[in-house]
N, C-alpha and C. Protein backbone atom coordinates (compact mmCIF):
# COMPACT_ATOMS: atom_id res chain seq x y z
N MET A 1 0.84 -1.18 -0.08
CA MET A 1 -0.15 -0.01 -0.05
C MET A 1 0.91 1.21 -0.11
N THR A 2 0.41 2.47 -0.32
CA THR A 2 1.14 3.68 -0.50
C THR A 2 0.88 4.49 0.70
N GLN A 3 1.12 3.89 1.77
CA GLN A 3 1.17 4.72 3.21
C GLN A 3 2.39 5.62 3.29
N PRO A 4 2.37 6.60 3.84
CA PRO A 4 3.67 7.41 4.15
C PRO A 4 4.37 6.70 5.08
N ALA A 5 5.78 6.89 5.00
CA ALA A 5 6.65 6.04 5.62
C ALA A 5 6.72 6.54 7.12
N SER A 6 6.08 7.86 7.41
CA SER A 6 5.94 8.32 8.76
C SER A 6 4.70 9.02 8.85
N LEU A 7 4.33 9.28 10.11
CA LEU A 7 3.08 9.86 10.53
C LEU A 7 3.40 10.79 11.76
N THR A 8 2.89 11.95 11.85
CA THR A 8 2.68 12.74 12.97
C THR A 8 1.55 12.98 13.54
N VAL A 9 1.61 12.56 14.93
CA VAL A 9 0.18 12.81 15.70
C VAL A 9 0.50 13.61 16.99
N ASP A 10 -0.21 14.39 17.46
CA ASP A 10 -0.01 15.16 18.68
C ASP A 10 1.30 15.64 18.63
N GLY A 11 2.07 16.05 17.55
CA GLY A 11 3.31 16.61 17.58
C GLY A 11 4.51 15.50 17.68
N VAL A 12 4.19 14.28 17.68
CA VAL A 12 5.02 13.12 17.82
C VAL A 12 5.18 12.43 16.34
N ARG A 13 6.36 12.38 15.93
CA ARG A 13 6.65 11.78 14.57
C ARG A 13 6.97 10.46 14.78
N LEU A 14 6.30 9.47 14.09
CA LEU A 14 6.25 8.00 14.12
C LEU A 14 6.67 7.54 12.75
N ARG A 15 7.65 6.44 12.79
CA ARG A 15 7.96 5.76 11.59
C ARG A 15 6.83 4.72 11.36
N LEU A 16 6.32 4.63 10.30
CA LEU A 16 5.15 3.76 10.07
C LEU A 16 5.38 2.55 9.22
N VAL A 17 4.88 1.23 9.80
CA VAL A 17 5.22 0.06 8.95
C VAL A 17 3.75 -0.62 9.04
N VAL A 18 3.42 -0.63 7.56
CA VAL A 18 1.94 -1.25 7.43
C VAL A 18 2.14 -2.46 6.60
N GLN A 19 1.36 -3.58 7.15
CA GLN A 19 1.45 -4.79 6.45
C GLN A 19 -0.04 -5.29 6.26
N ARG A 20 -0.24 -5.58 4.99
CA ARG A 20 -1.65 -6.19 4.58
C ARG A 20 -1.56 -7.60 4.75
N LYS A 21 -2.35 -8.18 5.66
CA LYS A 21 -2.22 -9.76 5.81
C LYS A 21 -3.61 -10.22 6.26
N ARG A 22 -3.82 -11.54 6.40
CA ARG A 22 -5.06 -12.11 6.72
C ARG A 22 -5.33 -11.97 8.39
N VAL A 23 -5.90 -10.80 8.58
CA VAL A 23 -6.37 -10.49 9.94
C VAL A 23 -7.82 -10.03 9.86
N ARG A 24 -8.46 -10.10 10.92
CA ARG A 24 -9.90 -9.57 10.80
C ARG A 24 -10.11 -8.09 10.98
N ASN A 25 -9.16 -7.58 11.82
CA ASN A 25 -9.25 -6.15 12.01
C ASN A 25 -8.07 -5.40 11.90
N VAL A 26 -8.05 -4.00 11.72
CA VAL A 26 -6.93 -3.23 11.66
C VAL A 26 -6.32 -3.05 13.09
N ASN A 27 -5.12 -3.62 13.22
CA ASN A 27 -4.35 -3.68 14.58
C ASN A 27 -3.26 -2.83 14.45
N ALA A 28 -2.80 -2.08 15.70
CA ALA A 28 -1.58 -1.36 15.66
C ALA A 28 -0.93 -1.59 16.97
N ARG A 29 0.28 -1.52 17.00
CA ARG A 29 1.10 -1.50 18.25
C ARG A 29 2.38 -0.40 17.95
N LEU A 30 2.68 0.18 19.21
CA LEU A 30 3.67 1.12 19.19
C LEU A 30 4.88 0.68 19.95
N ARG A 31 6.09 0.72 19.09
CA ARG A 31 7.36 0.38 19.90
C ARG A 31 8.28 1.43 19.60
N HIS A 32 8.55 2.30 20.84
CA HIS A 32 9.49 3.38 20.69
C HIS A 32 8.87 4.33 19.66
N ASP A 33 9.55 4.64 18.54
CA ASP A 33 8.88 5.60 17.59
C ASP A 33 8.40 5.01 16.33
N THR A 34 8.09 3.63 16.37
CA THR A 34 7.64 3.01 15.22
C THR A 34 6.16 2.43 15.46
N LEU A 35 5.24 2.70 14.46
CA LEU A 35 3.94 2.36 14.70
C LEU A 35 3.87 1.02 13.69
N PHE A 36 3.67 -0.06 14.17
CA PHE A 36 3.34 -1.24 13.44
C PHE A 36 2.01 -1.58 13.23
N VAL A 37 1.41 -1.67 11.87
CA VAL A 37 0.11 -1.75 11.73
C VAL A 37 -0.19 -3.00 10.82
N SER A 38 -1.11 -3.86 11.11
CA SER A 38 -1.56 -5.08 10.36
C SER A 38 -2.87 -4.73 9.97
N ALA A 39 -3.22 -4.89 8.56
CA ALA A 39 -4.80 -4.72 8.05
C ALA A 39 -4.97 -5.65 7.06
N PRO A 40 -6.31 -5.88 7.06
CA PRO A 40 -6.91 -7.03 6.09
C PRO A 40 -6.77 -6.29 4.78
N PRO A 41 -6.56 -7.15 3.76
CA PRO A 41 -6.35 -6.75 2.50
C PRO A 41 -7.65 -5.84 1.85
N HIS A 42 -8.85 -6.25 2.30
CA HIS A 42 -9.88 -5.51 1.70
C HIS A 42 -10.44 -4.18 2.26
N VAL A 43 -9.61 -3.76 3.28
CA VAL A 43 -9.93 -2.42 3.80
C VAL A 43 -9.31 -1.26 2.83
N PRO A 44 -10.30 -0.41 2.26
CA PRO A 44 -9.84 0.60 1.48
C PRO A 44 -8.80 1.62 2.02
N GLU A 45 -8.00 2.05 1.05
CA GLU A 45 -6.72 2.79 1.67
C GLU A 45 -7.17 4.06 2.21
N GLY A 46 -8.07 4.83 1.74
CA GLY A 46 -8.56 5.88 2.41
C GLY A 46 -9.22 5.76 3.92
N ILE A 47 -9.82 4.52 4.15
CA ILE A 47 -10.42 4.33 5.42
C ILE A 47 -9.05 3.87 6.28
N LEU A 48 -8.29 3.02 5.74
CA LEU A 48 -7.16 2.48 6.45
C LEU A 48 -6.18 3.61 6.87
N THR A 49 -6.16 4.84 6.14
CA THR A 49 -5.31 5.94 6.54
C THR A 49 -6.00 6.66 7.53
N GLU A 50 -7.31 6.70 7.75
CA GLU A 50 -7.93 7.51 8.82
C GLU A 50 -7.76 6.58 10.02
N LEU A 51 -8.10 5.27 10.06
CA LEU A 51 -8.00 4.31 11.10
C LEU A 51 -6.49 4.36 11.80
N VAL A 52 -5.47 4.37 10.90
CA VAL A 52 -4.16 4.31 11.41
C VAL A 52 -3.90 5.68 12.21
N ALA A 53 -4.22 6.79 11.74
CA ALA A 53 -4.32 7.99 12.38
C ALA A 53 -5.00 7.97 13.73
N ASP A 54 -6.22 7.47 13.69
CA ASP A 54 -6.88 7.19 14.99
C ASP A 54 -6.23 6.36 15.92
N LEU A 55 -5.61 5.35 15.55
CA LEU A 55 -4.99 4.20 16.45
C LEU A 55 -3.70 4.89 16.85
N ALA A 56 -2.96 5.42 16.03
CA ALA A 56 -1.74 6.19 16.51
C ALA A 56 -1.89 7.23 17.53
N ARG A 57 -2.97 8.01 17.42
CA ARG A 57 -3.26 9.06 18.39
C ARG A 57 -3.47 8.42 19.69
N LYS A 58 -4.48 7.29 19.83
CA LYS A 58 -4.76 6.71 20.99
C LYS A 58 -3.45 6.03 21.70
N LEU A 59 -2.57 5.52 20.96
CA LEU A 59 -1.41 4.83 21.57
C LEU A 59 -0.33 5.77 21.93
N VAL A 60 -0.22 6.95 21.32
CA VAL A 60 0.66 8.14 21.53
C VAL A 60 0.16 8.69 22.97
N ARG A 61 -0.92 8.86 22.96
CA ARG A 61 -1.61 9.58 24.16
C ARG A 61 -1.65 8.57 25.53
N ARG A 62 -1.69 7.29 25.19
CA ARG A 62 -1.71 6.23 26.34
C ARG A 62 -0.20 6.29 26.87
N VAL A 63 0.70 6.30 25.90
CA VAL A 63 2.05 6.27 26.35
C VAL A 63 2.49 7.49 27.08
N HIS A 64 2.00 8.65 26.59
CA HIS A 64 2.18 9.95 27.28
C HIS A 64 1.59 9.86 28.69
N ALA A 65 0.40 9.38 28.74
CA ALA A 65 -0.21 9.21 30.21
C ALA A 65 0.49 8.39 31.10
N ARG A 66 1.01 7.30 30.73
CA ARG A 66 1.90 6.52 31.49
C ARG A 66 3.20 7.23 31.95
N THR A 67 3.90 7.79 30.93
CA THR A 67 5.08 8.67 31.28
C THR A 67 4.70 9.71 32.41
N VAL A 68 3.72 10.48 32.42
CA VAL A 68 3.28 11.57 33.24
C VAL A 68 3.10 10.92 34.63
N ASN A 69 2.28 9.81 34.64
CA ASN A 69 2.00 9.15 35.93
C ASN A 69 3.18 8.61 36.59
N ARG A 70 4.25 8.30 35.81
CA ARG A 70 5.38 7.80 36.43
C ARG A 70 6.28 8.95 36.93
N ASP A 71 6.09 10.16 36.44
CA ASP A 71 6.96 11.55 36.62
C ASP A 71 6.61 11.93 38.06
N GLU A 72 5.40 11.85 38.44
CA GLU A 72 5.07 12.39 39.67
C GLU A 72 3.93 11.45 40.49
N ASP A 73 4.15 11.49 41.65
CA ASP A 73 3.11 10.67 42.59
C ASP A 73 1.88 11.40 42.51
N CYS A 74 0.96 11.17 41.83
CA CYS A 74 -0.40 11.84 41.94
C CYS A 74 -1.02 11.73 43.26
N LEU A 75 -0.82 10.78 43.94
CA LEU A 75 -1.51 10.54 45.34
C LEU A 75 -0.93 11.63 46.33
N ALA A 76 0.34 11.86 46.24
CA ALA A 76 0.89 12.95 47.04
C ALA A 76 0.38 14.21 46.87
N LEU A 77 -0.07 14.71 45.55
CA LEU A 77 -0.57 15.90 45.41
C LEU A 77 -1.93 15.79 45.95
N VAL A 78 -2.66 14.76 45.69
CA VAL A 78 -4.19 14.75 46.19
C VAL A 78 -4.16 14.90 47.79
N ARG A 79 -3.18 14.23 48.35
CA ARG A 79 -3.25 14.29 49.82
C ARG A 79 -2.97 15.57 50.31
N LYS A 80 -2.13 16.37 49.67
CA LYS A 80 -1.88 17.66 50.03
C LYS A 80 -3.14 18.53 49.97
N ILE A 81 -3.79 18.51 48.89
CA ILE A 81 -5.05 19.24 48.77
C ILE A 81 -6.14 18.70 49.67
N ALA A 82 -6.21 17.37 49.91
CA ALA A 82 -7.31 16.77 50.70
C ALA A 82 -7.12 17.22 52.26
N ALA A 83 -5.90 17.56 52.61
CA ALA A 83 -5.58 17.82 53.98
C ALA A 83 -6.42 19.29 54.31
N ARG A 84 -6.65 20.15 53.34
CA ARG A 84 -7.43 21.39 53.48
C ARG A 84 -8.84 21.12 53.80
N PHE A 85 -9.48 20.11 53.52
CA PHE A 85 -10.85 19.87 53.68
C PHE A 85 -11.12 19.71 55.07
N PRO A 86 -12.30 20.19 55.52
CA PRO A 86 -12.68 20.05 57.06
C PRO A 86 -12.90 18.50 57.22
N THR A 87 -13.36 17.63 56.48
CA THR A 87 -13.52 16.35 56.41
C THR A 87 -12.62 15.61 55.42
N LYS A 88 -11.63 15.11 55.75
CA LYS A 88 -10.59 14.65 54.67
C LYS A 88 -11.03 13.75 53.78
N PRO A 89 -11.10 13.94 52.53
CA PRO A 89 -11.75 13.10 51.51
C PRO A 89 -10.81 11.79 51.40
N GLU A 90 -11.42 10.57 51.30
CA GLU A 90 -10.66 9.33 50.90
C GLU A 90 -10.61 9.07 49.41
N VAL A 91 -9.54 8.90 48.94
CA VAL A 91 -9.35 8.60 47.39
C VAL A 91 -8.37 7.42 47.56
N ALA A 92 -8.80 6.45 46.63
CA ALA A 92 -7.99 5.33 46.55
C ALA A 92 -7.01 5.43 45.54
N ARG A 93 -7.22 6.25 44.48
CA ARG A 93 -6.35 6.17 43.29
C ARG A 93 -6.54 7.45 42.59
N VAL A 94 -5.38 7.86 41.94
CA VAL A 94 -5.41 9.08 41.26
C VAL A 94 -4.54 8.82 39.91
N GLU A 95 -4.92 9.19 38.83
CA GLU A 95 -4.17 9.16 37.63
C GLU A 95 -4.52 10.21 36.61
N PHE A 96 -3.37 10.42 35.85
CA PHE A 96 -3.70 11.34 34.66
C PHE A 96 -3.99 10.50 33.55
N VAL A 97 -5.07 10.68 32.59
CA VAL A 97 -5.41 9.97 31.64
C VAL A 97 -5.55 10.88 30.40
N ALA A 98 -5.30 10.18 29.23
CA ALA A 98 -5.56 10.77 27.95
C ALA A 98 -6.85 10.41 27.18
N THR A 99 -7.85 9.86 27.91
CA THR A 99 -9.06 9.49 27.27
C THR A 99 -9.96 10.63 27.57
N GLN A 100 -9.83 11.35 28.55
CA GLN A 100 -10.94 12.49 28.75
C GLN A 100 -10.74 13.55 27.76
N THR A 101 -11.85 13.82 26.85
CA THR A 101 -11.55 14.99 25.96
C THR A 101 -12.87 16.12 26.12
N ARG A 102 -13.66 15.81 27.23
CA ARG A 102 -14.72 16.79 27.53
C ARG A 102 -14.66 17.37 28.77
N ARG A 103 -13.65 16.85 29.65
CA ARG A 103 -13.61 17.53 31.16
C ARG A 103 -12.34 17.33 31.62
N TRP A 104 -11.98 18.11 32.50
CA TRP A 104 -10.65 18.27 33.05
C TRP A 104 -10.27 17.14 34.11
N GLY A 105 -11.47 16.79 34.80
CA GLY A 105 -11.23 15.82 35.72
C GLY A 105 -12.48 14.89 35.98
N SER A 106 -12.45 13.83 36.73
CA SER A 106 -13.57 13.16 37.08
C SER A 106 -13.43 12.24 38.44
N TYR A 107 -14.45 12.23 39.14
CA TYR A 107 -14.34 11.51 40.42
C TYR A 107 -15.33 10.32 40.31
N SER A 108 -14.95 8.96 40.60
CA SER A 108 -15.82 8.00 40.82
C SER A 108 -16.04 7.51 42.30
N ALA A 109 -17.35 7.65 42.87
CA ALA A 109 -17.66 7.42 44.17
C ALA A 109 -17.51 5.84 44.33
N THR A 110 -17.72 5.03 43.31
CA THR A 110 -17.61 3.70 43.45
C THR A 110 -16.41 3.04 43.65
N THR A 111 -15.29 3.58 42.99
CA THR A 111 -13.79 3.27 43.04
C THR A 111 -12.92 4.13 43.87
N ARG A 112 -13.64 5.31 44.19
CA ARG A 112 -12.85 6.30 45.01
C ARG A 112 -11.44 6.71 44.11
N THR A 113 -11.88 6.91 42.81
CA THR A 113 -10.51 7.34 41.80
C THR A 113 -11.09 8.63 41.40
N ILE A 114 -9.76 9.43 41.32
CA ILE A 114 -9.77 10.66 40.59
C ILE A 114 -9.00 10.38 39.35
N ARG A 115 -9.61 10.98 38.16
CA ARG A 115 -8.88 10.96 36.87
C ARG A 115 -8.75 12.39 36.42
N LEU A 116 -7.51 12.66 35.90
CA LEU A 116 -7.25 14.04 35.53
C LEU A 116 -6.78 14.03 34.12
N ASN A 117 -7.23 15.07 33.34
CA ASN A 117 -6.91 15.24 31.97
C ASN A 117 -5.37 15.34 31.95
N VAL A 118 -4.70 14.59 31.05
CA VAL A 118 -3.21 14.58 31.15
C VAL A 118 -2.59 16.01 30.65
N ALA A 119 -3.48 16.66 30.12
CA ALA A 119 -2.83 18.04 29.60
C ALA A 119 -2.67 19.13 30.82
N LEU A 120 -3.34 18.69 32.07
CA LEU A 120 -3.21 19.66 33.29
C LEU A 120 -1.80 19.44 33.69
N ARG A 121 -1.16 18.36 33.53
CA ARG A 121 0.16 18.06 33.98
C ARG A 121 1.19 19.21 33.47
N GLU A 122 0.89 19.67 32.28
CA GLU A 122 1.80 20.74 31.76
C GLU A 122 1.31 22.12 31.95
N MET A 123 0.26 22.41 32.70
CA MET A 123 -0.30 23.79 33.08
C MET A 123 0.23 24.16 34.50
N PRO A 124 0.11 25.40 34.88
CA PRO A 124 0.57 25.88 36.08
C PRO A 124 0.15 24.98 37.13
N ARG A 125 0.85 24.88 38.04
CA ARG A 125 0.56 23.94 39.19
C ARG A 125 -0.87 24.35 39.83
N TRP A 126 -1.02 25.80 40.00
CA TRP A 126 -2.22 26.23 40.79
C TRP A 126 -3.48 25.76 40.02
N VAL A 127 -3.50 25.66 38.67
CA VAL A 127 -4.54 25.21 37.82
C VAL A 127 -4.70 23.71 38.24
N LEU A 128 -3.70 22.92 38.15
CA LEU A 128 -3.87 21.52 38.49
C LEU A 128 -4.42 21.34 39.83
N GLU A 129 -3.86 22.23 40.86
CA GLU A 129 -4.45 22.01 42.13
C GLU A 129 -5.96 22.40 42.38
N ALA A 130 -6.33 23.29 41.57
CA ALA A 130 -7.70 23.59 41.71
C ALA A 130 -8.73 22.56 41.06
N VAL A 131 -8.31 22.04 40.03
CA VAL A 131 -9.11 20.84 39.41
C VAL A 131 -8.98 19.58 40.43
N VAL A 132 -7.89 19.43 41.12
CA VAL A 132 -7.87 18.38 42.24
C VAL A 132 -8.94 18.77 43.25
N ALA A 133 -8.84 20.03 43.81
CA ALA A 133 -9.73 20.39 44.68
C ALA A 133 -11.24 20.24 44.24
N HIS A 134 -11.47 20.67 43.05
CA HIS A 134 -12.78 20.34 42.47
C HIS A 134 -13.32 18.98 42.65
N GLU A 135 -12.35 18.21 42.14
CA GLU A 135 -12.79 16.77 42.21
C GLU A 135 -13.01 16.05 43.75
N LEU A 136 -12.11 16.69 44.53
CA LEU A 136 -12.29 16.17 45.90
C LEU A 136 -13.40 16.67 46.52
N ALA A 137 -13.84 17.99 46.13
CA ALA A 137 -15.20 18.50 46.69
C ALA A 137 -16.38 17.67 46.24
N HIS A 138 -16.27 16.78 45.30
CA HIS A 138 -17.33 15.89 44.65
C HIS A 138 -17.31 14.78 45.55
N VAL A 139 -16.33 14.48 46.48
CA VAL A 139 -16.37 13.37 47.43
C VAL A 139 -17.55 13.65 48.51
N THR A 140 -17.67 15.06 48.68
CA THR A 140 -18.72 15.32 49.72
C THR A 140 -19.97 15.64 48.99
N TYR A 141 -19.95 16.37 47.87
CA TYR A 141 -21.10 16.71 47.07
C TYR A 141 -21.01 16.32 45.74
N PRO A 142 -21.64 15.26 45.19
CA PRO A 142 -21.54 14.84 43.91
C PRO A 142 -22.18 15.71 42.85
N HIS A 143 -22.69 16.79 43.20
CA HIS A 143 -23.48 17.76 42.30
C HIS A 143 -22.63 19.07 42.41
N HIS A 144 -23.11 20.09 41.61
CA HIS A 144 -22.49 21.42 41.41
C HIS A 144 -23.30 22.42 42.16
N GLY A 145 -24.21 22.02 43.31
CA GLY A 145 -24.97 22.90 43.89
C GLY A 145 -24.36 23.99 44.72
N PRO A 146 -24.97 24.85 45.32
CA PRO A 146 -24.42 25.91 46.13
C PRO A 146 -23.40 25.44 47.37
N GLU A 147 -23.88 24.40 47.92
CA GLU A 147 -22.99 23.77 49.07
C GLU A 147 -21.70 23.26 48.33
N PHE A 148 -21.67 22.73 47.24
CA PHE A 148 -20.40 22.34 46.57
C PHE A 148 -19.53 23.38 46.40
N TRP A 149 -19.98 24.60 45.74
CA TRP A 149 -19.39 25.84 45.60
C TRP A 149 -18.62 26.51 46.75
N THR A 150 -19.64 26.50 47.80
CA THR A 150 -19.04 27.04 49.08
C THR A 150 -17.92 26.15 49.77
N LEU A 151 -18.05 25.00 49.63
CA LEU A 151 -16.76 24.12 50.19
C LEU A 151 -15.71 24.17 49.15
N LEU A 152 -15.86 24.23 48.07
CA LEU A 152 -14.71 24.24 47.01
C LEU A 152 -13.87 25.54 47.28
N ARG A 153 -14.70 26.66 47.34
CA ARG A 153 -14.02 28.08 47.55
C ARG A 153 -13.46 28.18 48.93
N SER A 154 -13.94 27.49 49.89
CA SER A 154 -13.38 27.70 51.16
C SER A 154 -12.12 26.86 51.28
N VAL A 155 -11.84 25.90 50.35
CA VAL A 155 -10.78 24.89 50.51
C VAL A 155 -9.70 25.55 49.35
N TYR A 156 -10.21 26.14 48.30
CA TYR A 156 -9.30 26.55 47.23
C TYR A 156 -9.75 27.88 46.88
N PRO A 157 -9.58 29.07 47.43
CA PRO A 157 -10.19 30.27 47.11
C PRO A 157 -9.86 30.73 45.66
N ASP A 158 -8.69 30.21 45.00
CA ASP A 158 -8.34 30.52 43.60
C ASP A 158 -9.05 29.75 42.62
N VAL A 159 -10.06 29.13 42.73
CA VAL A 159 -10.79 28.29 41.91
C VAL A 159 -11.41 29.01 40.65
N ASP A 160 -11.92 30.12 40.92
CA ASP A 160 -12.46 30.95 39.85
C ASP A 160 -11.42 31.45 38.86
N ARG A 161 -10.23 31.83 39.45
CA ARG A 161 -9.12 32.22 38.51
C ARG A 161 -8.66 30.87 37.78
N ALA A 162 -8.56 29.70 38.29
CA ALA A 162 -8.25 28.65 37.43
C ALA A 162 -9.41 28.24 36.50
N ASP A 163 -10.58 28.47 36.81
CA ASP A 163 -11.76 28.19 35.93
C ASP A 163 -11.64 29.14 34.57
N ALA A 164 -11.25 30.41 34.92
CA ALA A 164 -11.07 31.35 33.63
C ALA A 164 -9.80 30.85 32.78
N PHE A 165 -8.86 30.43 33.61
CA PHE A 165 -7.75 30.07 32.91
C PHE A 165 -8.02 28.93 31.96
N LEU A 166 -8.73 28.01 32.54
CA LEU A 166 -9.06 26.66 31.66
C LEU A 166 -10.08 27.17 30.52
N ALA A 167 -10.75 28.16 30.77
CA ALA A 167 -11.82 28.64 29.66
C ALA A 167 -10.93 29.14 28.53
N GLY A 168 -9.89 29.93 28.98
CA GLY A 168 -9.09 30.45 27.96
C GLY A 168 -8.24 29.38 27.29
N VAL A 169 -7.74 28.50 28.07
CA VAL A 169 -6.89 27.14 27.22
C VAL A 169 -7.91 26.54 26.35
N ALA A 170 -9.12 26.41 26.63
CA ALA A 170 -10.12 25.59 25.85
C ALA A 170 -10.32 26.38 24.54
N TRP A 171 -10.45 27.72 24.78
CA TRP A 171 -10.78 28.69 23.66
C TRP A 171 -9.66 28.61 22.66
N LEU A 172 -8.46 28.64 23.07
CA LEU A 172 -7.14 28.72 22.20
C LEU A 172 -7.02 27.33 21.62
N ALA A 173 -7.34 26.25 22.38
CA ALA A 173 -7.21 24.92 21.83
C ALA A 173 -8.13 24.76 20.69
N ALA A 174 -9.27 25.52 20.74
CA ALA A 174 -10.37 25.14 19.65
C ALA A 174 -9.95 25.85 18.30
N GLY A 175 -8.69 26.59 18.35
CA GLY A 175 -8.09 26.89 17.08
C GLY A 175 -8.86 28.32 16.57
N PRO A 176 -8.93 29.43 17.32
CA PRO A 176 -9.38 30.69 16.88
C PRO A 176 -8.49 31.09 15.91
N LYS A 177 -8.86 32.01 14.92
CA LYS A 177 -8.08 32.39 13.85
C LYS A 177 -7.06 33.72 14.37
N LEU A 178 -6.07 33.52 14.95
CA LEU A 178 -5.25 34.47 15.35
C LEU A 178 -4.08 34.64 14.38
N SER A 179 -3.64 35.80 14.06
CA SER A 179 -2.49 36.03 13.31
C SER A 179 -1.31 35.52 14.08
N GLY A 180 -0.13 35.29 13.35
CA GLY A 180 1.21 35.05 13.91
C GLY A 180 1.57 36.12 14.94
N VAL A 181 1.31 37.31 14.66
CA VAL A 181 1.66 38.49 15.40
C VAL A 181 0.94 38.35 16.79
N ALA A 182 -0.48 38.21 16.53
CA ALA A 182 -1.36 38.12 17.79
C ALA A 182 -1.02 37.03 18.72
N ARG A 183 -0.49 35.90 18.11
CA ARG A 183 -0.05 34.74 19.04
C ARG A 183 1.13 35.15 19.84
N ALA A 184 2.08 35.80 19.06
CA ALA A 184 3.39 36.12 19.54
C ALA A 184 3.23 37.14 20.75
N LEU A 185 2.30 38.11 20.40
CA LEU A 185 1.98 39.20 21.37
C LEU A 185 1.43 38.48 22.68
N LEU A 186 0.52 37.53 22.65
CA LEU A 186 -0.09 36.76 23.65
C LEU A 186 0.98 36.24 24.53
N GLY A 187 2.03 35.63 24.01
CA GLY A 187 3.06 34.95 24.60
C GLY A 187 4.03 35.95 25.45
N GLU A 188 3.99 37.24 24.92
CA GLU A 188 4.78 38.27 25.61
C GLU A 188 4.04 39.00 26.81
N MET A 189 2.73 38.84 26.73
CA MET A 189 2.05 39.52 27.74
C MET A 189 1.81 38.86 28.93
N VAL A 190 2.17 37.58 28.99
CA VAL A 190 1.89 36.74 30.45
C VAL A 190 3.04 37.00 31.14
N GLY A 191 2.81 37.33 32.43
CA GLY A 191 4.02 37.52 33.50
C GLY A 191 4.30 36.21 33.99
N CYS A 192 5.37 36.18 34.95
CA CYS A 192 5.99 35.06 35.59
C CYS A 192 4.77 34.47 36.37
N ASP A 193 3.86 35.11 36.84
CA ASP A 193 2.74 34.28 37.81
C ASP A 193 1.71 33.78 36.90
N GLY A 194 1.80 33.89 35.51
CA GLY A 194 0.74 33.45 34.63
C GLY A 194 -0.32 34.43 34.33
N ARG A 195 -0.27 35.64 34.98
CA ARG A 195 -1.41 36.77 34.86
C ARG A 195 -0.91 37.61 33.68
N PRO A 196 -1.89 38.12 32.80
CA PRO A 196 -1.34 39.02 31.91
C PRO A 196 -1.38 40.53 32.82
N ALA A 197 -0.62 41.27 32.11
CA ALA A 197 -0.34 42.62 32.70
C ALA A 197 -1.53 43.54 32.13
N PHE A 198 -2.37 43.91 32.77
CA PHE A 198 -3.49 44.70 32.42
C PHE A 198 -3.16 46.16 32.17
N ALA A 199 -2.22 46.57 33.00
CA ALA A 199 -2.02 48.06 33.09
C ALA A 199 -0.60 48.42 32.70
């Protein structure tokens, strides 16, 4: 097949090795910087190209999440924030994941697990802490009612600032049409504390 010899997903360049053989489904495995793909002969090349890109993205994100979870003890961070609560929430497990695309974090009362969007790992620490505090507040209040917000703001007063930051990140990630000059100026306007200089 005429697949490119390489593929770039999420900024990661991969060498691509595709084999057509007698298999039921398109399968992929990632080893270091090489993506090995086996595909049935009957799958059209256009569809295969899309499937390969999707599989590559999932595998690259999975590897990234594993690396991030090795780099820092997530439970240590959660315990630090949990100590601020009037009744310390119990959390059995915390992990950064690359599978959440519609929320920054989640809490499961059944497994007592907090999952955090892996992108948070590369954001300012106070933003990550605010999301952790948000998820820990769900241990007490599984909803977003007034009691939830009162508790959250008492534990982490900077939560509204973090919400605004994340709204801005989401807006930029959605790809607004900004000129190169506008993007460069945005980078220069942010101070060392992550706040733009308004005056």
